[in-house]
Amino acid sequence: MLVKNWLNDDFPSISVKATVQEALNQMRKYRTDYCVTVDEEGRFAGFVYKNSLANADLESSVEDYVVFPEFFTHEDSYIEEAALTFRESHERCLAVVDSDMKVKGVITLTEVLEAFVAITAMDEPGVRILLTLQDKPGELKKVLDVFALNSINVLAVNTVKRDGFRSVSIKVDASEPKQIEKLLKELGIEFLKVVEEEGF
């Protein structure tokens, strides 16, 4: 999943040559405490923050108040990389740029959470199976083959490494948890939990 699929392209943005008043107007319009700034060619110049403008002359240029952040992300980066950047930087918002450093949008934790919901298929109705597998090649395939052979579509697969094993969450396109439980038991596949999810 790429950042460009989740970025917010409706965000406060001004020229680096704009006035403090223009920056504040954009922040007020979007109800944010920041504004993205760009140069004459639309390239990312940095952020200007509301708290840094507290005592500024409203007609002065924001250029002296622009801060180029240590962290930003590219539109072709993975959304998982953006999530890791948020974790490491504690930033609330990242600018999203293309290969020419032109701003394509911004991404916040809200967009990261929306991506997580989609990646795990939480928004789709179905049945989720939780199980623990040995962390070695072919173990997951055994489970997925069961669904394929029974014409059950897999909506999402997520794994987490734990003590030499893999905790696995599989969401399938089904509506009867009991039928999924029966199928897994018949084939000797152990599971921790099988639940129906309504989606939204």
N, C-alpha and C. Protein backbone atom coordinates (compact mmCIF):
# COMPACT_ATOMS: atom_id res chain seq x y z
N MET A 1 0.84 -1.18 0.00
CA MET A 1 0.00 0.00 0.00
C MET A 1 0.89 1.25 0.00
N LEU A 2 0.65 2.12 -0.96
CA LEU A 2 1.50 3.29 -1.10
C LEU A 2 0.87 4.52 -0.45
N VAL A 3 1.73 5.41 0.00
CA VAL A 3 1.27 6.64 0.64
C VAL A 3 0.33 7.43 -0.26
N LYS A 4 0.60 7.44 -1.57
CA LYS A 4 -0.22 8.24 -2.49
C LYS A 4 -1.67 7.78 -2.54
N ASN A 5 -1.93 6.55 -2.09
CA ASN A 5 -3.30 6.05 -2.06
C ASN A 5 -4.07 6.54 -0.84
N TRP A 6 -3.36 7.14 0.11
CA TRP A 6 -3.99 7.53 1.37
C TRP A 6 -3.78 8.99 1.73
N LEU A 7 -2.96 9.71 1.00
CA LEU A 7 -2.66 11.09 1.37
C LEU A 7 -3.90 11.98 1.30
N ASN A 8 -3.84 13.06 2.02
CA ASN A 8 -4.90 14.07 2.02
C ASN A 8 -4.44 15.21 1.11
N ASP A 9 -5.15 15.40 -0.01
CA ASP A 9 -4.72 16.45 -0.95
C ASP A 9 -5.47 17.76 -0.77
N ASP A 10 -6.23 17.85 0.32
CA ASP A 10 -6.92 19.10 0.66
C ASP A 10 -6.34 19.60 1.98
N PHE A 11 -5.36 20.47 1.91
CA PHE A 11 -4.58 20.84 3.09
C PHE A 11 -4.16 22.30 3.01
N PRO A 12 -3.81 22.92 4.13
CA PRO A 12 -3.38 24.33 4.12
C PRO A 12 -2.01 24.50 3.48
N SER A 13 -1.95 25.32 2.45
CA SER A 13 -0.69 25.51 1.73
C SER A 13 -0.59 26.95 1.23
N ILE A 14 0.59 27.52 1.35
CA ILE A 14 0.83 28.88 0.88
C ILE A 14 2.23 28.98 0.29
N SER A 15 2.46 30.05 -0.44
CA SER A 15 3.81 30.33 -0.94
C SER A 15 4.69 30.75 0.22
N VAL A 16 5.95 30.42 0.12
CA VAL A 16 6.90 30.81 1.15
C VAL A 16 7.03 32.33 1.22
N LYS A 17 6.56 33.02 0.18
CA LYS A 17 6.61 34.48 0.14
C LYS A 17 5.33 35.12 0.68
N ALA A 18 4.38 34.31 1.09
CA ALA A 18 3.10 34.83 1.59
C ALA A 18 3.28 35.56 2.91
N THR A 19 2.25 36.27 3.32
CA THR A 19 2.31 37.01 4.59
C THR A 19 1.87 36.12 5.75
N VAL A 20 2.19 36.59 6.93
CA VAL A 20 1.76 35.90 8.14
C VAL A 20 0.24 35.83 8.19
N GLN A 21 -0.42 36.91 7.78
CA GLN A 21 -1.88 36.93 7.77
C GLN A 21 -2.45 35.84 6.87
N GLU A 22 -1.85 35.65 5.70
CA GLU A 22 -2.31 34.61 4.78
C GLU A 22 -2.13 33.22 5.38
N ALA A 23 -1.04 33.04 6.08
CA ALA A 23 -0.79 31.75 6.73
C ALA A 23 -1.84 31.48 7.79
N LEU A 24 -2.11 32.47 8.60
CA LEU A 24 -3.11 32.32 9.66
C LEU A 24 -4.51 32.08 9.09
N ASN A 25 -4.79 32.72 7.97
CA ASN A 25 -6.10 32.52 7.32
C ASN A 25 -6.26 31.07 6.87
N GLN A 26 -5.18 30.51 6.32
CA GLN A 26 -5.22 29.11 5.88
C GLN A 26 -5.40 28.17 7.07
N MET A 27 -4.70 28.45 8.15
CA MET A 27 -4.83 27.62 9.35
C MET A 27 -6.25 27.69 9.89
N ARG A 28 -6.83 28.88 9.87
CA ARG A 28 -8.19 29.05 10.35
C ARG A 28 -9.17 28.30 9.46
N LYS A 29 -8.96 28.38 8.16
CA LYS A 29 -9.84 27.72 7.20
C LYS A 29 -9.83 26.20 7.39
N TYR A 30 -8.64 25.64 7.61
CA TYR A 30 -8.52 24.19 7.72
C TYR A 30 -8.51 23.69 9.17
N ARG A 31 -8.61 24.64 10.11
CA ARG A 31 -8.63 24.31 11.53
C ARG A 31 -7.40 23.49 11.93
N THR A 32 -6.24 23.99 11.53
CA THR A 32 -4.97 23.36 11.88
C THR A 32 -4.07 24.37 12.56
N ASP A 33 -2.98 23.91 13.09
CA ASP A 33 -2.00 24.82 13.69
C ASP A 33 -0.72 24.86 12.86
N TYR A 34 -0.82 24.41 11.60
CA TYR A 34 0.32 24.41 10.70
C TYR A 34 -0.12 24.78 9.30
N CYS A 35 0.86 25.11 8.48
CA CYS A 35 0.59 25.39 7.07
C CYS A 35 1.82 24.94 6.27
N VAL A 36 1.59 24.22 5.19
CA VAL A 36 2.67 23.79 4.31
C VAL A 36 3.09 24.99 3.46
N THR A 37 4.37 25.16 3.26
CA THR A 37 4.85 26.24 2.38
C THR A 37 5.59 25.65 1.20
N VAL A 38 5.45 26.33 0.05
CA VAL A 38 6.12 25.87 -1.18
C VAL A 38 6.84 27.05 -1.81
N ASP A 39 7.86 26.74 -2.60
CA ASP A 39 8.58 27.80 -3.30
C ASP A 39 7.87 28.16 -4.60
N GLU A 40 8.50 28.98 -5.41
CA GLU A 40 7.87 29.47 -6.65
C GLU A 40 7.55 28.34 -7.62
N GLU A 41 8.24 27.22 -7.52
CA GLU A 41 8.03 26.10 -8.43
C GLU A 41 7.18 25.00 -7.80
N GLY A 42 6.60 25.29 -6.65
CA GLY A 42 5.74 24.32 -5.99
C GLY A 42 6.48 23.26 -5.19
N ARG A 43 7.77 23.45 -5.01
CA ARG A 43 8.55 22.48 -4.23
C ARG A 43 8.39 22.75 -2.74
N PHE A 44 8.46 21.68 -1.98
CA PHE A 44 8.29 21.75 -0.54
C PHE A 44 9.36 22.63 0.09
N ALA A 45 8.91 23.64 0.86
CA ALA A 45 9.85 24.55 1.51
C ALA A 45 9.87 24.35 3.03
N GLY A 46 8.83 23.70 3.57
CA GLY A 46 8.77 23.47 5.00
C GLY A 46 7.40 23.78 5.56
N PHE A 47 7.32 23.79 6.88
CA PHE A 47 6.08 24.11 7.58
C PHE A 47 6.23 25.45 8.30
N VAL A 48 5.11 26.13 8.46
CA VAL A 48 5.07 27.27 9.38
C VAL A 48 4.01 26.93 10.42
N TYR A 49 4.33 27.16 11.70
CA TYR A 49 3.45 26.76 12.78
C TYR A 49 2.84 27.97 13.48
N LYS A 50 1.61 27.80 13.91
CA LYS A 50 0.85 28.90 14.51
C LYS A 50 1.56 29.49 15.72
N ASN A 51 2.12 28.63 16.57
CA ASN A 51 2.73 29.15 17.79
C ASN A 51 3.96 30.01 17.52
N SER A 52 4.59 29.83 16.35
CA SER A 52 5.77 30.64 16.02
C SER A 52 5.37 32.02 15.49
N LEU A 53 4.07 32.18 15.20
CA LEU A 53 3.60 33.45 14.63
C LEU A 53 2.92 34.34 15.65
N ALA A 54 2.95 33.95 16.91
CA ALA A 54 2.20 34.65 17.95
C ALA A 54 2.50 36.14 18.01
N ASN A 55 3.76 36.51 17.86
CA ASN A 55 4.14 37.93 17.98
C ASN A 55 4.60 38.53 16.65
N ALA A 56 4.29 37.85 15.56
CA ALA A 56 4.75 38.31 14.24
C ALA A 56 3.86 39.41 13.68
N ASP A 57 4.45 40.30 12.91
CA ASP A 57 3.71 41.33 12.18
C ASP A 57 2.88 40.63 11.11
N LEU A 58 1.58 40.89 11.07
CA LEU A 58 0.68 40.20 10.16
C LEU A 58 1.03 40.43 8.69
N GLU A 59 1.68 41.54 8.39
CA GLU A 59 2.02 41.84 6.99
C GLU A 59 3.43 41.40 6.62
N SER A 60 4.15 40.82 7.58
CA SER A 60 5.51 40.35 7.29
C SER A 60 5.45 39.01 6.56
N SER A 61 6.56 38.63 5.96
CA SER A 61 6.63 37.37 5.22
C SER A 61 6.78 36.19 6.18
N VAL A 62 6.16 35.07 5.82
CA VAL A 62 6.28 33.88 6.66
C VAL A 62 7.65 33.21 6.49
N GLU A 63 8.40 33.65 5.50
CA GLU A 63 9.65 32.98 5.15
C GLU A 63 10.58 32.84 6.35
N ASP A 64 10.61 33.86 7.21
CA ASP A 64 11.51 33.82 8.37
C ASP A 64 11.03 32.83 9.43
N TYR A 65 9.80 32.34 9.29
CA TYR A 65 9.24 31.45 10.30
C TYR A 65 9.10 30.00 9.80
N VAL A 66 9.51 29.78 8.57
CA VAL A 66 9.39 28.45 7.97
C VAL A 66 10.45 27.51 8.54
N VAL A 67 10.02 26.32 8.90
CA VAL A 67 10.92 25.30 9.43
C VAL A 67 10.88 24.10 8.48
N PHE A 68 12.06 23.70 7.99
CA PHE A 68 12.11 22.50 7.15
C PHE A 68 12.25 21.29 8.06
N PRO A 69 11.28 20.38 8.03
CA PRO A 69 11.28 19.27 8.99
C PRO A 69 12.34 18.21 8.70
N GLU A 70 12.70 17.50 9.74
CA GLU A 70 13.66 16.41 9.58
C GLU A 70 13.00 15.23 8.87
N PHE A 71 11.67 15.15 9.01
CA PHE A 71 10.95 14.01 8.44
C PHE A 71 9.87 14.47 7.46
N PHE A 72 9.79 13.77 6.34
CA PHE A 72 8.67 13.90 5.41
C PHE A 72 8.62 12.58 4.66
N THR A 73 7.69 12.40 3.74
CA THR A 73 7.59 11.12 3.04
C THR A 73 7.33 11.33 1.56
N HIS A 74 7.63 10.32 0.78
CA HIS A 74 7.41 10.37 -0.66
C HIS A 74 6.11 9.65 -1.02
N GLU A 75 5.47 10.08 -2.07
CA GLU A 75 4.19 9.51 -2.46
C GLU A 75 4.29 8.02 -2.81
N ASP A 76 5.47 7.57 -3.26
CA ASP A 76 5.65 6.16 -3.61
C ASP A 76 6.22 5.32 -2.47
N SER A 77 6.30 5.91 -1.28
CA SER A 77 6.71 5.14 -0.11
C SER A 77 5.55 4.27 0.36
N TYR A 78 5.87 3.22 1.09
CA TYR A 78 4.81 2.38 1.65
C TYR A 78 4.17 3.08 2.84
N ILE A 79 2.87 2.85 3.02
CA ILE A 79 2.16 3.45 4.15
C ILE A 79 2.75 2.95 5.47
N GLU A 80 3.27 1.71 5.46
CA GLU A 80 3.90 1.16 6.65
C GLU A 80 5.16 1.96 7.03
N GLU A 81 5.88 2.45 6.02
CA GLU A 81 7.06 3.28 6.28
C GLU A 81 6.64 4.60 6.92
N ALA A 82 5.53 5.15 6.45
CA ALA A 82 5.03 6.40 7.04
C ALA A 82 4.65 6.18 8.49
N ALA A 83 4.02 5.04 8.78
CA ALA A 83 3.65 4.72 10.16
C ALA A 83 4.89 4.64 11.04
N LEU A 84 5.95 4.01 10.52
CA LEU A 84 7.20 3.91 11.28
C LEU A 84 7.81 5.28 11.50
N THR A 85 7.71 6.17 10.51
CA THR A 85 8.22 7.53 10.64
C THR A 85 7.48 8.28 11.74
N PHE A 86 6.16 8.12 11.79
CA PHE A 86 5.38 8.75 12.86
C PHE A 86 5.83 8.23 14.22
N ARG A 87 6.06 6.94 14.31
CA ARG A 87 6.48 6.35 15.58
C ARG A 87 7.82 6.90 16.04
N GLU A 88 8.75 7.06 15.09
CA GLU A 88 10.10 7.49 15.45
C GLU A 88 10.19 9.00 15.67
N SER A 89 9.39 9.76 14.93
CA SER A 89 9.53 11.22 14.96
C SER A 89 8.57 11.91 15.90
N HIS A 90 7.45 11.25 16.23
CA HIS A 90 6.38 11.85 17.04
C HIS A 90 5.76 13.06 16.35
N GLU A 91 5.93 13.17 15.05
CA GLU A 91 5.29 14.24 14.29
C GLU A 91 3.79 13.96 14.19
N ARG A 92 3.00 15.01 14.03
CA ARG A 92 1.56 14.84 13.87
C ARG A 92 1.15 14.88 12.41
N CYS A 93 2.03 15.39 11.56
CA CYS A 93 1.71 15.54 10.15
C CYS A 93 3.00 15.45 9.33
N LEU A 94 2.94 14.73 8.22
CA LEU A 94 4.08 14.63 7.31
C LEU A 94 3.69 15.17 5.94
N ALA A 95 4.57 15.94 5.34
CA ALA A 95 4.35 16.37 3.97
C ALA A 95 4.63 15.19 3.04
N VAL A 96 3.85 15.11 1.98
CA VAL A 96 4.05 14.05 0.98
C VAL A 96 4.52 14.71 -0.31
N VAL A 97 5.68 14.28 -0.79
CA VAL A 97 6.26 14.91 -1.98
C VAL A 97 6.51 13.88 -3.07
N ASP A 98 6.66 14.38 -4.32
CA ASP A 98 7.02 13.48 -5.42
C ASP A 98 8.53 13.50 -5.62
N SER A 99 9.00 12.91 -6.70
CA SER A 99 10.44 12.80 -6.92
C SER A 99 11.11 14.15 -7.16
N ASP A 100 10.31 15.18 -7.49
CA ASP A 100 10.84 16.53 -7.70
C ASP A 100 10.66 17.41 -6.48
N MET A 101 10.25 16.80 -5.36
CA MET A 101 10.00 17.52 -4.10
C MET A 101 8.79 18.45 -4.18
N LYS A 102 7.93 18.21 -5.16
CA LYS A 102 6.69 18.99 -5.23
C LYS A 102 5.67 18.35 -4.30
N VAL A 103 4.96 19.20 -3.56
CA VAL A 103 4.03 18.71 -2.55
C VAL A 103 2.78 18.14 -3.20
N LYS A 104 2.47 16.89 -2.84
CA LYS A 104 1.27 16.22 -3.36
C LYS A 104 0.16 16.18 -2.32
N GLY A 105 0.53 16.38 -1.06
CA GLY A 105 -0.46 16.34 0.00
C GLY A 105 0.21 16.21 1.35
N VAL A 106 -0.58 15.85 2.34
CA VAL A 106 -0.06 15.59 3.68
C VAL A 106 -0.66 14.27 4.17
N ILE A 107 -0.03 13.71 5.16
CA ILE A 107 -0.57 12.51 5.79
C ILE A 107 -0.45 12.65 7.29
N THR A 108 -1.51 12.26 7.99
CA THR A 108 -1.54 12.32 9.45
C THR A 108 -1.83 10.92 9.97
N LEU A 109 -1.87 10.80 11.28
CA LEU A 109 -2.18 9.50 11.87
C LEU A 109 -3.59 9.04 11.49
N THR A 110 -4.47 9.97 11.19
CA THR A 110 -5.82 9.60 10.76
C THR A 110 -5.77 8.79 9.48
N GLU A 111 -4.99 9.24 8.50
CA GLU A 111 -4.86 8.50 7.24
C GLU A 111 -4.17 7.15 7.45
N VAL A 112 -3.20 7.11 8.35
CA VAL A 112 -2.51 5.85 8.64
C VAL A 112 -3.50 4.85 9.24
N LEU A 113 -4.36 5.31 10.14
CA LEU A 113 -5.36 4.43 10.74
C LEU A 113 -6.39 3.97 9.72
N GLU A 114 -6.76 4.86 8.80
CA GLU A 114 -7.69 4.48 7.73
C GLU A 114 -7.08 3.38 6.86
N ALA A 115 -5.79 3.51 6.59
CA ALA A 115 -5.10 2.48 5.81
C ALA A 115 -5.06 1.16 6.57
N PHE A 116 -4.82 1.22 7.87
CA PHE A 116 -4.79 0.01 8.70
C PHE A 116 -6.14 -0.70 8.66
N VAL A 117 -7.21 0.07 8.74
CA VAL A 117 -8.56 -0.51 8.68
C VAL A 117 -8.76 -1.24 7.35
N ALA A 118 -8.32 -0.62 6.26
CA ALA A 118 -8.48 -1.24 4.94
C ALA A 118 -7.57 -2.46 4.78
N ILE A 119 -6.33 -2.36 5.24
CA ILE A 119 -5.38 -3.46 5.10
C ILE A 119 -5.86 -4.70 5.86
N THR A 120 -6.52 -4.49 6.98
CA THR A 120 -7.02 -5.62 7.77
C THR A 120 -8.45 -6.00 7.40
N ALA A 121 -9.04 -5.29 6.43
CA ALA A 121 -10.41 -5.54 5.97
C ALA A 121 -11.44 -5.39 7.09
N MET A 122 -11.16 -4.52 8.05
CA MET A 122 -12.11 -4.28 9.14
C MET A 122 -13.41 -3.65 8.63
N ASP A 123 -13.32 -2.97 7.49
CA ASP A 123 -14.49 -2.29 6.95
C ASP A 123 -15.38 -3.20 6.11
N GLU A 124 -14.97 -4.45 5.91
CA GLU A 124 -15.74 -5.39 5.10
C GLU A 124 -16.37 -6.47 5.97
N PRO A 125 -17.60 -6.88 5.66
CA PRO A 125 -18.20 -7.99 6.41
C PRO A 125 -17.47 -9.30 6.10
N GLY A 126 -17.41 -10.17 7.08
CA GLY A 126 -16.73 -11.45 6.87
C GLY A 126 -16.47 -12.15 8.18
N VAL A 127 -15.59 -13.14 8.13
CA VAL A 127 -15.22 -13.91 9.31
C VAL A 127 -13.71 -13.82 9.50
N ARG A 128 -13.30 -13.53 10.73
CA ARG A 128 -11.86 -13.43 11.03
C ARG A 128 -11.43 -14.65 11.83
N ILE A 129 -10.29 -15.20 11.41
CA ILE A 129 -9.72 -16.37 12.09
C ILE A 129 -8.38 -15.97 12.69
N LEU A 130 -8.19 -16.25 13.96
CA LEU A 130 -6.91 -16.01 14.63
C LEU A 130 -6.27 -17.35 14.94
N LEU A 131 -5.01 -17.51 14.58
CA LEU A 131 -4.30 -18.76 14.83
C LEU A 131 -2.81 -18.50 15.00
N THR A 132 -2.11 -19.50 15.51
CA THR A 132 -0.67 -19.42 15.69
C THR A 132 -0.01 -20.50 14.84
N LEU A 133 0.95 -20.08 14.01
CA LEU A 133 1.64 -21.01 13.12
C LEU A 133 3.13 -21.01 13.41
N GLN A 134 3.78 -22.12 13.08
CA GLN A 134 5.24 -22.14 13.16
C GLN A 134 5.79 -21.16 12.14
N ASP A 135 6.87 -20.50 12.51
CA ASP A 135 7.46 -19.49 11.63
C ASP A 135 8.41 -20.14 10.64
N LYS A 136 7.82 -20.83 9.66
CA LYS A 136 8.64 -21.48 8.63
C LYS A 136 7.85 -21.54 7.33
N PRO A 137 8.56 -21.66 6.20
CA PRO A 137 7.90 -21.65 4.90
C PRO A 137 6.84 -22.74 4.76
N GLY A 138 5.72 -22.37 4.15
CA GLY A 138 4.68 -23.34 3.84
C GLY A 138 3.56 -23.46 4.85
N GLU A 139 3.77 -22.97 6.08
CA GLU A 139 2.75 -23.11 7.11
C GLU A 139 1.49 -22.30 6.78
N LEU A 140 1.68 -21.08 6.36
CA LEU A 140 0.53 -20.24 6.02
C LEU A 140 -0.18 -20.78 4.77
N LYS A 141 0.59 -21.28 3.82
CA LYS A 141 0.01 -21.81 2.58
C LYS A 141 -0.98 -22.93 2.87
N LYS A 142 -0.68 -23.78 3.86
CA LYS A 142 -1.59 -24.88 4.21
C LYS A 142 -2.97 -24.36 4.57
N VAL A 143 -3.00 -23.26 5.29
CA VAL A 143 -4.28 -22.69 5.72
C VAL A 143 -4.98 -22.02 4.55
N LEU A 144 -4.23 -21.25 3.78
CA LEU A 144 -4.84 -20.54 2.65
C LEU A 144 -5.35 -21.50 1.59
N ASP A 145 -4.67 -22.63 1.42
CA ASP A 145 -5.12 -23.64 0.46
C ASP A 145 -6.48 -24.19 0.84
N VAL A 146 -6.74 -24.31 2.13
CA VAL A 146 -8.05 -24.79 2.59
C VAL A 146 -9.15 -23.87 2.09
N PHE A 147 -8.94 -22.58 2.21
CA PHE A 147 -9.96 -21.63 1.76
C PHE A 147 -10.09 -21.64 0.24
N ALA A 148 -8.97 -21.71 -0.45
CA ALA A 148 -9.00 -21.73 -1.92
C ALA A 148 -9.75 -22.95 -2.43
N LEU A 149 -9.48 -24.13 -1.86
CA LEU A 149 -10.11 -25.37 -2.30
C LEU A 149 -11.61 -25.40 -2.00
N ASN A 150 -12.04 -24.56 -1.07
CA ASN A 150 -13.45 -24.50 -0.71
C ASN A 150 -14.12 -23.22 -1.22
N SER A 151 -13.45 -22.58 -2.19
CA SER A 151 -13.99 -21.39 -2.85
C SER A 151 -14.37 -20.28 -1.86
N ILE A 152 -13.52 -20.10 -0.86
CA ILE A 152 -13.72 -19.03 0.13
C ILE A 152 -12.67 -17.95 -0.13
N ASN A 153 -13.12 -16.77 -0.45
CA ASN A 153 -12.20 -15.68 -0.79
C ASN A 153 -11.53 -15.11 0.46
N VAL A 154 -10.23 -14.91 0.38
CA VAL A 154 -9.48 -14.30 1.49
C VAL A 154 -9.45 -12.79 1.29
N LEU A 155 -9.88 -12.05 2.31
CA LEU A 155 -9.94 -10.59 2.23
C LEU A 155 -8.69 -9.91 2.77
N ALA A 156 -8.07 -10.53 3.78
CA ALA A 156 -6.87 -9.93 4.38
C ALA A 156 -6.10 -10.98 5.16
N VAL A 157 -4.77 -10.83 5.15
CA VAL A 157 -3.89 -11.70 5.93
C VAL A 157 -2.84 -10.82 6.61
N ASN A 158 -2.71 -10.94 7.91
CA ASN A 158 -1.71 -10.18 8.65
C ASN A 158 -1.02 -11.11 9.64
N THR A 159 0.30 -10.95 9.77
CA THR A 159 1.04 -11.80 10.70
C THR A 159 1.96 -10.96 11.59
N VAL A 160 2.19 -11.47 12.79
CA VAL A 160 3.10 -10.84 13.74
C VAL A 160 3.97 -11.93 14.35
N LYS A 161 5.27 -11.70 14.40
CA LYS A 161 6.20 -12.69 14.96
C LYS A 161 6.16 -12.63 16.48
N ARG A 162 6.02 -13.83 17.09
CA ARG A 162 5.99 -13.92 18.55
C ARG A 162 6.69 -15.20 19.01
N ASP A 163 7.83 -15.03 19.67
CA ASP A 163 8.54 -16.15 20.29
C ASP A 163 8.75 -17.33 19.34
N GLY A 164 9.20 -17.04 18.13
CA GLY A 164 9.49 -18.11 17.19
C GLY A 164 8.29 -18.62 16.42
N PHE A 165 7.11 -18.08 16.71
CA PHE A 165 5.90 -18.45 16.00
C PHE A 165 5.33 -17.21 15.29
N ARG A 166 4.28 -17.42 14.54
CA ARG A 166 3.58 -16.33 13.88
C ARG A 166 2.13 -16.29 14.36
N SER A 167 1.74 -15.16 14.95
CA SER A 167 0.33 -14.93 15.23
C SER A 167 -0.28 -14.44 13.92
N VAL A 168 -1.32 -15.12 13.48
CA VAL A 168 -1.89 -14.84 12.16
C VAL A 168 -3.35 -14.45 12.28
N SER A 169 -3.73 -13.41 11.56
CA SER A 169 -5.12 -12.99 11.45
C SER A 169 -5.52 -13.08 9.98
N ILE A 170 -6.56 -13.87 9.71
CA ILE A 170 -7.05 -14.05 8.35
C ILE A 170 -8.52 -13.66 8.31
N LYS A 171 -8.87 -12.76 7.41
CA LYS A 171 -10.28 -12.36 7.23
C LYS A 171 -10.75 -12.97 5.91
N VAL A 172 -11.88 -13.70 5.97
CA VAL A 172 -12.40 -14.34 4.77
C VAL A 172 -13.81 -13.86 4.48
N ASP A 173 -14.19 -14.00 3.22
CA ASP A 173 -15.52 -13.59 2.77
C ASP A 173 -16.51 -14.71 3.09
N ALA A 174 -17.02 -14.70 4.31
CA ALA A 174 -17.97 -15.70 4.77
C ALA A 174 -18.87 -15.07 5.82
N SER A 175 -19.96 -15.76 6.16
CA SER A 175 -20.90 -15.20 7.13
C SER A 175 -21.25 -16.16 8.26
N GLU A 176 -20.70 -17.39 8.19
CA GLU A 176 -21.02 -18.38 9.21
C GLU A 176 -19.75 -18.86 9.91
N PRO A 177 -19.41 -18.30 11.06
CA PRO A 177 -18.21 -18.72 11.79
C PRO A 177 -18.19 -20.21 12.11
N LYS A 178 -19.34 -20.77 12.42
CA LYS A 178 -19.40 -22.19 12.78
C LYS A 178 -18.96 -23.08 11.61
N GLN A 179 -19.32 -22.69 10.40
CA GLN A 179 -18.91 -23.46 9.22
C GLN A 179 -17.39 -23.40 9.03
N ILE A 180 -16.82 -22.22 9.29
CA ILE A 180 -15.36 -22.08 9.17
C ILE A 180 -14.67 -22.91 10.24
N GLU A 181 -15.19 -22.89 11.46
CA GLU A 181 -14.63 -23.69 12.54
C GLU A 181 -14.65 -25.18 12.19
N LYS A 182 -15.79 -25.63 11.68
CA LYS A 182 -15.94 -27.04 11.31
C LYS A 182 -14.95 -27.44 10.24
N LEU A 183 -14.79 -26.59 9.24
CA LEU A 183 -13.87 -26.87 8.15
C LEU A 183 -12.44 -26.99 8.65
N LEU A 184 -12.02 -26.07 9.51
CA LEU A 184 -10.65 -26.10 10.04
C LEU A 184 -10.42 -27.32 10.92
N LYS A 185 -11.41 -27.64 11.75
CA LYS A 185 -11.28 -28.80 12.64
C LYS A 185 -11.17 -30.10 11.85
N GLU A 186 -11.97 -30.21 10.78
CA GLU A 186 -11.95 -31.42 9.96
C GLU A 186 -10.58 -31.66 9.33
N LEU A 187 -9.87 -30.57 9.07
CA LEU A 187 -8.56 -30.68 8.43
C LEU A 187 -7.41 -30.59 9.44
N GLY A 188 -7.75 -30.59 10.72
CA GLY A 188 -6.73 -30.60 11.77
C GLY A 188 -5.97 -29.30 11.94
N ILE A 189 -6.59 -28.20 11.55
CA ILE A 189 -5.94 -26.89 11.69
C ILE A 189 -6.41 -26.25 12.98
N GLU A 190 -5.50 -26.04 13.92
CA GLU A 190 -5.84 -25.44 15.21
C GLU A 190 -5.98 -23.93 15.07
N PHE A 191 -6.91 -23.37 15.81
CA PHE A 191 -7.14 -21.93 15.77
C PHE A 191 -7.43 -21.42 17.17
N LEU A 192 -7.26 -20.13 17.35
CA LEU A 192 -7.51 -19.52 18.66
C LEU A 192 -8.91 -18.94 18.75
N LYS A 193 -9.38 -18.39 17.63
CA LYS A 193 -10.67 -17.70 17.66
C LYS A 193 -11.21 -17.55 16.25
N VAL A 194 -12.52 -17.68 16.11
CA VAL A 194 -13.19 -17.44 14.84
C VAL A 194 -14.42 -16.59 15.13
N VAL A 195 -14.47 -15.39 14.54
CA VAL A 195 -15.57 -14.48 14.85
C VAL A 195 -16.10 -13.82 13.56
N GLU A 196 -17.38 -13.52 13.58
CA GLU A 196 -17.98 -12.79 12.48
C GLU A 196 -17.80 -11.29 12.69
N GLU A 197 -17.49 -10.57 11.63
CA GLU A 197 -17.37 -9.11 11.69
C GLU A 197 -18.33 -8.51 10.68
N GLU A 198 -19.09 -7.53 11.12
CA GLU A 198 -20.11 -6.93 10.26
C GLU A 198 -19.54 -5.94 9.25
N GLY A 199 -18.38 -5.39 9.53
CA GLY A 199 -17.85 -4.33 8.68
C GLY A 199 -18.64 -3.04 8.90
N PHE A 200 -18.38 -2.04 8.09
CA PHE A 200 -19.13 -0.79 8.22
C PHE A 200 -19.04 0.01 6.94
